[in-house]
Amino acid sequence: MIKELQDFLITPDALQQLSNVEKKKHFQKIRIIRHLYLNGPNTNAEICNTFNFSLPTSMSLINQLTKEGVIIKKGRGESVGGRKPDLFTLKPGRFYVLSIHIDRFNITLAIVDNTNSTIIEDNIPSRISSEEDIVESLFTYASNLLEKSEIDAEKLLGIGISMPGLVSSKEGKNFTYFLTGSESESLQAALNNKFKKPVYILNDAKSACLAEFRFGQAKNKKDVLVISMDWGIGLGIVMGGKMHTGSSGFAGEFGHIPMVEEGELCHCGKRGCLETVASGLALVNKAKKGLAMGETSLLSSMTNDPSELSPEIIIEAANRGDQFAINILSEIGINLGKGIAILIQIFNPELIILEGKIAEAKKFITTPIQQSINTFCMIQLKEKTRIIMSKLGKNSHLLGSTAAVVNNVFKKQMELEKEVV
């Protein structure tokens, strides 16, 4: 039985010791493991069709992986005449990913297994600051979580981190927060050295988009936009059935398109960005200003300190019928709808998925968004675009960064095939 990751993730030196037949089987198994992670339970016939294996070859590989404790049977598939075929899936707990999501005021850490089940999770209030040593902080938080989980660190495939800002996954740098281009090593390299495991960083909106692309409503779709409506505004882009990140990895900086002439100063340094009038931060700022000017609202009694206001509290007030909260959500929705109308006319997507804290407002945000789109978008384009809410829940970023780790680790394993076979 396979006991550790090293038993099915092999080094170039170890691979050289195998015969050509053994090498071929190894990479066939890797393909099956990755496929089952991304697609869930499959029948032998489905695996054959996916990889163009013969039925006996596929069944032999499945039997070997079952004997090695990597996959298990899980129910029966649909019958196409005759008995229902067995379904095969990854055995829970074969490997784990430490997934971390950083937002402006909180860090969420979770250990996720190969079935995308969250084993343990922790939330730590933490404001993004240039004074904080993020590498040491994350290592400390992660070490504590791993110790509480009692999971063997040898089963940890890697660490995936989603965060706001201009993030280049290729360079391993965040050009907005934490380590920047002036540092001696990239943020990813510093984390790699600290954790002694593969680390992958990605922008939070792209992480949410990856989760939708792999496991959500963007799966098997060609042209989709995923709009993250959190403290900031982000965009993930699927074009031609592939995620689009741009030449530098920065595609999708939707929140920093100037929308208001001589508007408020954005944290990016420009004035009047969409984020200043259509984000969670804008929502909270509007609420604070309104309360300071004497607006009557449930918000006054829902928090003792205006600095504690959050999108979640404002949405709760709206759900309780607070007209002030409903009105400022409507303002945010109208502004966001203008931006989305521009996106529809540029990308002509079949689907737009809304996710994040502000998306939890549901009709209070979607109705003004749709009204704004009706006003500012050409009818021929908007009628071809469906706008829906994400179904992945509040931890879509964790799911996306988990998928990034699994995909990259297995991709690197498959690259060995070109070198040695």
Protein backbone atom coordinates (compact mmCIF):
# COMPACT_ATOMS: atom_id res chain seq x y z
CA MET A 1 0.00 0.00 0.00
CA ILE A 2 1.17 3.54 -0.79
CA LYS A 3 2.03 5.20 2.50
CA GLU A 4 3.48 8.57 1.57
CA LEU A 5 3.31 11.10 -1.25
CA GLN A 6 6.77 10.10 -2.42
CA ASP A 7 5.38 6.71 -3.36
CA PHE A 8 3.39 8.17 -6.25
CA LEU A 9 5.21 11.49 -6.82
CA ILE A 10 8.57 10.36 -8.07
CA THR A 11 11.91 12.18 -8.48
CA PRO A 12 13.84 12.26 -11.79
CA ASP A 13 16.59 10.10 -10.26
CA ALA A 14 14.14 7.48 -9.00
CA LEU A 15 12.37 7.52 -12.35
CA GLN A 16 15.60 6.68 -14.16
CA GLN A 17 15.76 3.42 -12.21
CA LEU A 18 12.46 2.21 -13.69
CA SER A 19 12.02 0.25 -16.89
CA ASN A 20 10.19 1.89 -19.79
CA VAL A 21 7.08 -0.18 -19.01
CA GLU A 22 7.16 0.94 -15.35
CA LYS A 23 7.65 4.57 -16.38
CA LYS A 24 4.67 4.39 -18.70
CA LYS A 25 2.47 2.90 -15.96
CA HIS A 26 3.59 5.56 -13.49
CA PHE A 27 2.47 8.42 -15.72
CA GLN A 28 -0.77 6.65 -16.60
CA LYS A 29 -1.52 6.40 -12.88
CA ILE A 30 -0.67 10.08 -12.33
CA ARG A 31 -3.13 11.03 -15.08
CA ILE A 32 -5.88 8.95 -13.46
CA ILE A 33 -5.25 10.42 -9.99
CA ARG A 34 -5.34 14.01 -11.32
CA HIS A 35 -8.46 13.27 -13.37
CA LEU A 36 -10.34 11.81 -10.41
CA TYR A 37 -9.37 14.82 -8.26
CA LEU A 38 -10.74 17.28 -10.82
CA ASN A 39 -13.78 15.30 -11.95
CA GLY A 40 -14.86 13.09 -9.06
CA PRO A 41 -16.06 9.48 -9.39
CA ASN A 42 -15.58 7.90 -12.84
CA THR A 43 -16.26 4.52 -14.36
CA ASN A 44 -13.59 2.43 -16.05
CA ALA A 45 -15.18 3.23 -19.42
CA GLU A 46 -15.04 6.99 -18.73
CA ILE A 47 -11.36 6.75 -17.82
CA CYS A 48 -10.70 4.76 -21.01
CA ASN A 49 -12.42 7.37 -23.15
CA THR A 50 -10.62 10.25 -21.46
CA PHE A 51 -7.10 8.85 -21.94
CA ASN A 52 -7.64 6.51 -24.88
CA PHE A 53 -6.62 3.50 -22.78
CA SER A 54 -7.86 0.03 -23.65
CA LEU A 55 -10.42 -1.38 -21.21
CA PRO A 56 -8.01 -4.08 -19.89
CA THR A 57 -5.19 -1.52 -19.44
CA SER A 58 -7.45 0.92 -17.61
CA MET A 59 -8.88 -1.80 -15.37
CA SER A 60 -5.40 -3.07 -14.55
CA LEU A 61 -4.27 0.44 -13.53
CA ILE A 62 -7.42 0.95 -11.45
CA ASN A 63 -6.86 -2.38 -9.69
CA GLN A 64 -3.25 -1.43 -8.92
CA LEU A 65 -4.27 1.97 -7.53
CA THR A 66 -7.00 0.30 -5.46
CA LYS A 67 -4.50 -2.21 -4.06
CA GLU A 68 -2.11 0.65 -3.27
CA GLY A 69 -4.85 2.43 -1.31
CA VAL A 70 -5.12 5.46 -3.61
CA ILE A 71 -8.61 4.90 -5.03
CA ILE A 72 -11.76 3.15 -3.84
CA LYS A 73 -15.09 2.07 -5.29
CA LYS A 74 -17.91 4.51 -4.68
CA GLY A 75 -21.31 3.35 -5.84
CA ARG A 76 -22.48 2.63 -9.35
CA GLY A 77 -22.68 4.70 -12.50
CA GLU A 78 -25.51 4.98 -15.00
CA SER A 79 -26.31 1.83 -16.93
CA VAL A 80 -26.02 1.92 -20.73
CA GLY A 81 -27.54 -1.54 -21.00
CA GLY A 82 -26.79 -4.33 -18.57
CA ARG A 83 -25.49 -3.99 -15.02
CA LYS A 84 -24.51 -0.61 -13.66
CA PRO A 85 -20.73 -0.04 -13.79
CA ASP A 86 -18.61 0.57 -10.70
CA LEU A 87 -17.58 4.14 -9.92
CA PHE A 88 -14.03 4.79 -8.73
CA THR A 89 -12.83 7.82 -6.76
CA LEU A 90 -9.83 8.94 -4.71
CA LYS A 91 -9.66 7.56 -1.19
CA PRO A 92 -10.12 10.40 1.34
CA GLY A 93 -6.98 11.50 3.15
CA ARG A 94 -4.44 10.26 0.59
CA PHE A 95 -2.93 13.75 0.45
CA TYR A 96 -3.67 17.23 1.81
CA VAL A 97 -3.19 20.87 0.84
CA LEU A 98 -2.73 23.76 3.23
CA SER A 99 -4.93 26.46 1.72
CA ILE A 100 -4.70 30.07 2.87
CA HIS A 101 -6.85 33.05 1.93
CA ILE A 102 -5.73 36.55 2.89
CA ASP A 103 -8.15 39.45 2.70
CA ARG A 104 -7.73 42.98 3.99
CA PHE A 105 -8.86 42.23 7.54
CA ASN A 106 -8.64 38.47 7.98
CA ILE A 107 -6.55 35.38 7.23
CA THR A 108 -8.33 32.05 6.76
CA LEU A 109 -6.31 28.84 6.86
CA ALA A 110 -7.64 25.38 6.10
CA ILE A 111 -6.26 21.91 5.57
CA VAL A 112 -8.13 20.35 2.65
CA ASP A 113 -7.87 16.72 1.58
CA ASN A 114 -7.87 15.21 -1.91
CA THR A 115 -11.69 15.06 -1.94
CA ASN A 116 -11.82 18.84 -1.30
CA SER A 117 -13.16 18.22 2.22
CA THR A 118 -12.04 20.77 4.80
CA ILE A 119 -10.45 18.87 7.68
CA ILE A 120 -9.75 21.86 9.93
CA GLU A 121 -10.06 25.63 9.53
CA ASP A 122 -8.98 28.72 11.43
CA ASN A 123 -9.75 32.42 11.02
CA ILE A 124 -7.34 35.05 12.29
CA PRO A 125 -8.17 38.78 12.33
CA SER A 126 -5.25 40.47 10.61
CA ARG A 127 -5.04 43.80 8.80
CA ILE A 128 -2.73 43.89 5.76
CA SER A 129 0.33 45.91 6.78
CA SER A 130 3.77 46.53 5.34
CA GLU A 131 5.12 46.25 8.88
CA GLU A 132 4.08 42.62 9.27
CA ASP A 133 6.48 39.81 8.37
CA ILE A 134 3.93 37.84 6.41
CA VAL A 135 6.24 34.86 5.87
CA GLU A 136 6.86 34.34 9.59
CA SER A 137 3.21 35.01 10.45
CA LEU A 138 1.83 32.50 7.94
CA PHE A 139 4.37 29.88 9.00
CA THR A 140 3.39 30.29 12.66
CA TYR A 141 -0.36 30.16 11.93
CA ALA A 142 0.10 27.15 9.63
CA SER A 143 2.29 25.26 12.11
CA ASN A 144 -0.30 25.74 14.84
CA LEU A 145 -3.10 24.53 12.55
CA LEU A 146 -1.12 21.50 11.41
CA GLU A 147 -0.35 20.60 15.01
CA LYS A 148 -4.04 20.86 15.97
CA SER A 149 -5.05 18.71 12.98
CA GLU A 150 -2.65 15.88 13.94
CA ILE A 151 -2.10 15.29 10.21
CA ASP A 152 1.30 13.98 9.17
CA ALA A 153 3.17 16.83 7.45
CA GLU A 154 4.58 14.27 5.00
CA LYS A 155 1.09 13.99 3.50
CA LEU A 156 1.02 17.71 2.73
CA LEU A 157 1.22 18.17 -1.04
CA GLY A 158 1.87 21.88 -0.83
CA ILE A 159 0.57 25.30 0.20
CA GLY A 160 -1.77 27.48 -1.86
CA ILE A 161 -2.26 31.14 -0.97
CA SER A 162 -4.82 33.53 -2.46
CA MET A 163 -4.45 37.23 -1.74
CA PRO A 164 -5.52 40.65 -3.02
CA GLY A 165 -3.26 42.81 -5.13
CA LEU A 166 -1.26 42.61 -8.35
CA VAL A 167 -0.09 39.01 -8.07
CA SER A 168 2.13 37.32 -10.64
CA SER A 169 1.84 33.58 -10.03
CA LYS A 170 4.58 33.01 -12.60
CA GLU A 171 7.07 35.27 -10.80
CA GLY A 172 5.74 34.39 -7.35
CA LYS A 173 5.38 38.06 -6.41
CA ASN A 174 2.70 40.38 -5.09
CA PHE A 175 3.46 43.84 -6.48
CA THR A 176 0.89 45.54 -4.22
CA TYR A 177 1.39 44.00 -0.80
CA PHE A 178 4.08 42.15 1.17
CA LEU A 179 7.33 41.42 -0.68
CA THR A 180 7.76 43.38 -3.91
CA GLY A 181 10.07 43.44 -6.90
CA SER A 182 12.74 45.25 -4.89
CA GLU A 183 13.21 42.30 -2.52
CA SER A 184 16.11 39.87 -2.91
CA GLU A 185 13.73 36.93 -3.34
CA SER A 186 10.09 36.57 -4.33
CA LEU A 187 7.31 36.05 -1.82
CA GLN A 188 6.81 32.54 -3.19
CA ALA A 189 10.52 31.69 -2.86
CA ALA A 190 10.59 33.00 0.72
CA LEU A 191 7.57 30.86 1.60
CA ASN A 192 9.04 27.83 -0.18
CA ASN A 193 12.20 28.14 1.88
CA LYS A 194 10.22 28.48 5.09
CA PHE A 195 7.69 25.70 4.56
CA LYS A 196 10.03 23.29 2.72
CA LYS A 197 7.05 22.45 0.51
CA PRO A 198 5.83 23.69 -2.89
CA VAL A 199 4.03 27.03 -2.45
CA TYR A 200 1.79 28.68 -5.05
CA ILE A 201 0.39 32.20 -4.75
CA LEU A 202 -2.41 33.68 -6.81
CA ASN A 203 -4.70 36.70 -6.86
CA ASP A 204 -7.89 36.18 -4.85
CA ALA A 205 -10.25 36.84 -7.77
CA LYS A 206 -8.35 34.39 -9.97
CA SER A 207 -8.49 31.85 -7.16
CA ALA A 208 -12.28 32.16 -7.03
CA CYS A 209 -12.40 31.90 -10.83
CA LEU A 210 -10.24 28.76 -10.78
CA ALA A 211 -12.61 27.18 -8.25
CA GLU A 212 -15.58 27.95 -10.52
CA PHE A 213 -13.68 26.73 -13.59
CA ARG A 214 -12.70 23.41 -12.01
CA PHE A 215 -15.64 22.64 -9.72
CA GLY A 216 -18.38 25.23 -10.15
CA GLN A 217 -20.73 26.61 -12.75
CA ALA A 218 -17.93 27.63 -15.15
CA LYS A 219 -16.84 24.00 -15.56
CA ASN A 220 -16.97 22.95 -19.23
CA LYS A 221 -18.02 26.47 -20.27
CA LYS A 222 -16.21 28.46 -22.97
CA ASP A 223 -16.63 32.16 -22.12
CA VAL A 224 -17.31 33.10 -18.51
CA LEU A 225 -16.55 36.04 -16.24
CA VAL A 226 -16.31 35.51 -12.47
CA ILE A 227 -16.74 38.75 -10.53
CA SER A 228 -15.51 38.75 -6.93
CA MET A 229 -17.40 41.31 -4.87
CA ASP A 230 -15.55 41.52 -1.58
CA TRP A 231 -13.76 44.38 0.18
CA GLY A 232 -12.40 45.01 -3.30
CA ILE A 233 -13.67 44.13 -6.78
CA GLY A 234 -11.90 41.46 -8.83
CA LEU A 235 -12.40 39.64 -12.10
CA GLY A 236 -11.53 36.17 -13.31
CA ILE A 237 -11.73 35.50 -17.05
CA VAL A 238 -12.42 32.26 -18.91
CA MET A 239 -11.96 32.63 -22.67
CA GLY A 240 -12.24 29.82 -25.19
CA GLY A 241 -12.51 27.28 -22.37
CA LYS A 242 -9.24 28.39 -20.72
CA MET A 243 -8.47 30.75 -17.88
CA HIS A 244 -6.97 33.98 -19.18
CA THR A 245 -4.39 35.74 -17.02
CA GLY A 246 -2.67 38.06 -19.49
CA SER A 247 1.01 38.37 -20.42
CA SER A 248 2.07 39.50 -16.93
CA GLY A 249 -0.60 37.61 -15.01
CA PHE A 250 -2.50 40.79 -14.15
CA ALA A 251 -5.55 40.48 -16.43
CA GLY A 252 -8.80 41.23 -14.63
CA GLU A 253 -7.96 44.37 -12.63
CA PHE A 254 -11.59 45.36 -13.07
CA GLY A 255 -11.82 47.29 -9.80
CA HIS A 256 -9.17 49.77 -10.88
CA ILE A 257 -10.83 51.02 -14.05
CA PRO A 258 -11.47 54.79 -13.54
CA MET A 259 -15.24 55.35 -13.49
CA VAL A 260 -15.68 58.70 -11.72
CA GLU A 261 -13.85 61.81 -12.88
CA GLU A 262 -12.09 63.53 -9.97
CA GLY A 263 -13.49 60.84 -7.68
CA GLU A 264 -12.18 59.52 -4.38
CA LEU A 265 -8.54 58.48 -4.08
CA CYS A 266 -8.18 54.72 -4.48
CA HIS A 267 -5.52 52.75 -2.59
CA CYS A 268 -3.92 52.01 -6.00
CA GLY A 269 -3.02 55.70 -6.28
CA LYS A 270 -5.58 56.71 -8.93
CA ARG A 271 -8.83 58.62 -8.40
CA GLY A 272 -12.34 57.45 -9.14
CA CYS A 273 -11.68 53.73 -9.63
CA LEU A 274 -14.71 51.45 -9.73
CA GLU A 275 -13.54 50.04 -6.40
CA THR A 276 -14.13 53.44 -4.74
CA VAL A 277 -17.85 53.33 -5.60
CA ALA A 278 -18.77 49.66 -5.98
CA SER A 279 -16.86 47.52 -3.45
CA GLY A 280 -17.31 46.29 0.10
CA LEU A 281 -14.97 49.07 1.20
CA ALA A 282 -17.13 51.64 -0.63
CA LEU A 283 -20.26 50.15 0.96
CA VAL A 284 -18.83 50.47 4.48
CA ASN A 285 -17.57 54.01 3.80
CA LYS A 286 -21.03 55.06 2.56
CA ALA A 287 -22.61 53.58 5.69
CA LYS A 288 -20.16 55.39 8.00
CA LYS A 289 -20.72 58.74 6.26
CA GLY A 290 -24.50 58.34 6.37
CA LEU A 291 -24.53 57.49 10.06
CA ALA A 292 -22.19 60.41 10.81
CA MET A 293 -24.69 62.71 9.06
CA GLY A 294 -27.54 61.43 11.24
CA GLU A 295 -29.19 58.83 9.01
CA THR A 296 -31.70 56.67 10.88
CA SER A 297 -30.66 53.03 10.63
CA LEU A 298 -30.56 49.74 12.50
CA LEU A 299 -26.81 49.88 11.91
CA SER A 300 -26.51 52.35 14.81
CA SER A 301 -27.60 49.64 17.24
CA MET A 302 -25.92 46.70 15.50
CA THR A 303 -22.39 47.80 16.35
CA ASN A 304 -20.91 49.82 19.18
CA ASP A 305 -18.13 51.23 17.04
CA PRO A 306 -18.54 52.44 13.42
CA SER A 307 -15.05 51.08 12.68
CA GLU A 308 -16.49 47.60 13.24
CA LEU A 309 -18.95 47.96 10.35
CA SER A 310 -18.58 45.30 7.66
CA PRO A 311 -20.45 44.30 4.49
CA GLU A 312 -21.96 41.36 6.40
CA ILE A 313 -23.50 43.66 9.04
CA ILE A 314 -24.94 45.99 6.39
CA ILE A 315 -26.42 43.05 4.47
CA GLU A 316 -27.96 41.74 7.69
CA ALA A 317 -29.57 45.15 8.28
CA ALA A 318 -30.97 45.13 4.73
CA ASN A 319 -32.43 41.67 5.30
CA ARG A 320 -34.14 43.08 8.40
CA GLY A 321 -35.78 45.77 6.29
CA ASP A 322 -33.45 48.69 7.02
CA GLN A 323 -34.09 51.19 4.23
CA PHE A 324 -30.76 53.00 4.63
CA ALA A 325 -28.84 49.73 4.21
CA ILE A 326 -31.01 48.78 1.22
CA ASN A 327 -30.39 52.17 -0.42
CA ILE A 328 -26.59 52.09 -0.13
CA LEU A 329 -26.52 48.51 -1.42
CA SER A 330 -28.59 49.71 -4.37
CA GLU A 331 -26.06 52.51 -5.05
CA ILE A 332 -23.23 49.98 -5.01
CA GLY A 333 -25.19 47.69 -7.36
CA ILE A 334 -25.93 50.45 -9.87
CA ASN A 335 -22.26 51.46 -10.03
CA LEU A 336 -21.16 47.85 -10.33
CA GLY A 337 -23.75 47.25 -13.06
CA LYS A 338 -22.20 50.05 -15.14
CA GLY A 339 -18.85 48.30 -14.95
CA ILE A 340 -20.37 44.92 -15.77
CA ALA A 341 -22.14 46.44 -18.80
CA ILE A 342 -18.70 47.43 -20.13
CA LEU A 343 -17.40 43.90 -19.57
CA ILE A 344 -20.34 42.37 -21.42
CA GLN A 345 -19.70 44.57 -24.44
CA ILE A 346 -15.97 43.76 -24.44
CA PHE A 347 -16.09 40.00 -23.75
CA ASN A 348 -19.59 38.94 -24.88
CA PRO A 349 -19.65 36.16 -22.22
CA GLU A 350 -22.22 33.39 -22.07
CA LEU A 351 -22.20 33.53 -18.27
CA ILE A 352 -21.29 35.91 -15.44
CA ILE A 353 -20.89 34.44 -11.97
CA LEU A 354 -21.11 36.75 -8.96
CA GLU A 355 -19.33 35.69 -5.78
CA GLY A 356 -17.99 37.13 -2.54
CA LYS A 357 -19.28 38.98 0.52
CA ILE A 358 -21.40 41.48 -1.45
CA ALA A 359 -22.96 38.68 -3.49
CA GLU A 360 -24.54 37.47 -0.22
CA ALA A 361 -26.88 40.49 -0.46
CA LYS A 362 -28.66 38.60 -3.28
CA LYS A 363 -31.69 40.57 -4.58
CA PHE A 364 -30.52 43.77 -2.87
CA ILE A 365 -27.45 43.78 -5.12
CA THR A 366 -28.53 41.76 -8.19
CA THR A 367 -31.66 43.87 -8.89
CA PRO A 368 -29.79 47.20 -9.20
CA ILE A 369 -26.98 45.46 -11.12
CA GLN A 370 -29.51 44.17 -13.66
CA GLN A 371 -31.24 47.57 -13.86
CA SER A 372 -27.92 49.23 -14.59
CA ILE A 373 -27.00 46.64 -17.23
CA ASN A 374 -30.40 47.19 -18.89
CA THR A 375 -29.61 50.91 -19.08
CA PHE A 376 -25.97 50.83 -20.18
CA CYS A 377 -25.55 47.65 -22.23
CA MET A 378 -26.55 46.98 -25.83
CA ILE A 379 -29.63 44.78 -25.87
CA GLN A 380 -28.20 42.27 -28.37
CA LEU A 381 -25.30 41.51 -26.02
CA LYS A 382 -27.01 41.54 -22.64
CA GLU A 383 -29.70 39.15 -23.84
CA LYS A 384 -27.00 36.56 -24.62
CA THR A 385 -25.48 36.75 -21.13
CA ARG A 386 -26.82 34.98 -18.04
CA ILE A 387 -25.93 36.41 -14.62
CA ILE A 388 -25.99 33.93 -11.75
CA MET A 389 -24.75 33.57 -8.17
CA SER A 390 -21.92 31.24 -7.21
CA LYS A 391 -22.90 28.02 -5.46
CA LEU A 392 -19.45 27.25 -4.03
CA GLY A 393 -19.96 29.10 -0.76
CA LYS A 394 -17.78 31.47 1.23
CA ASN A 395 -14.63 29.38 0.91
CA SER A 396 -14.32 29.38 -2.89
CA HIS A 397 -10.90 31.04 -2.60
CA LEU A 398 -9.63 28.15 -0.48
CA LEU A 399 -10.94 25.68 -3.05
CA GLY A 400 -9.24 27.61 -5.85
CA SER A 401 -5.84 27.74 -4.14
CA THR A 402 -6.13 24.03 -3.31
CA ALA A 403 -6.78 23.27 -6.98
CA ALA A 404 -3.79 25.43 -7.96
CA VAL A 405 -1.48 23.35 -5.76
CA VAL A 406 -2.78 19.98 -6.98
CA ASN A 407 -2.74 21.04 -10.61
CA ASN A 408 0.79 22.49 -10.47
CA VAL A 409 2.32 19.59 -8.52
CA PHE A 410 0.86 17.00 -10.89
CA LYS A 411 1.73 19.14 -13.92
CA LYS A 412 5.38 19.17 -12.82
CA GLN A 413 5.22 15.41 -12.37
CA MET A 414 3.88 14.99 -15.91
CA GLU A 415 6.68 17.22 -17.28
CA LEU A 416 9.15 14.53 -16.21
CA GLU A 417 7.64 12.26 -18.85
CA LYS A 418 9.15 14.40 -21.62
CA GLU A 419 12.58 14.29 -20.00
CA VAL A 420 12.95 10.59 -19.26
CA VAL A 421 10.57 8.56 -21.42
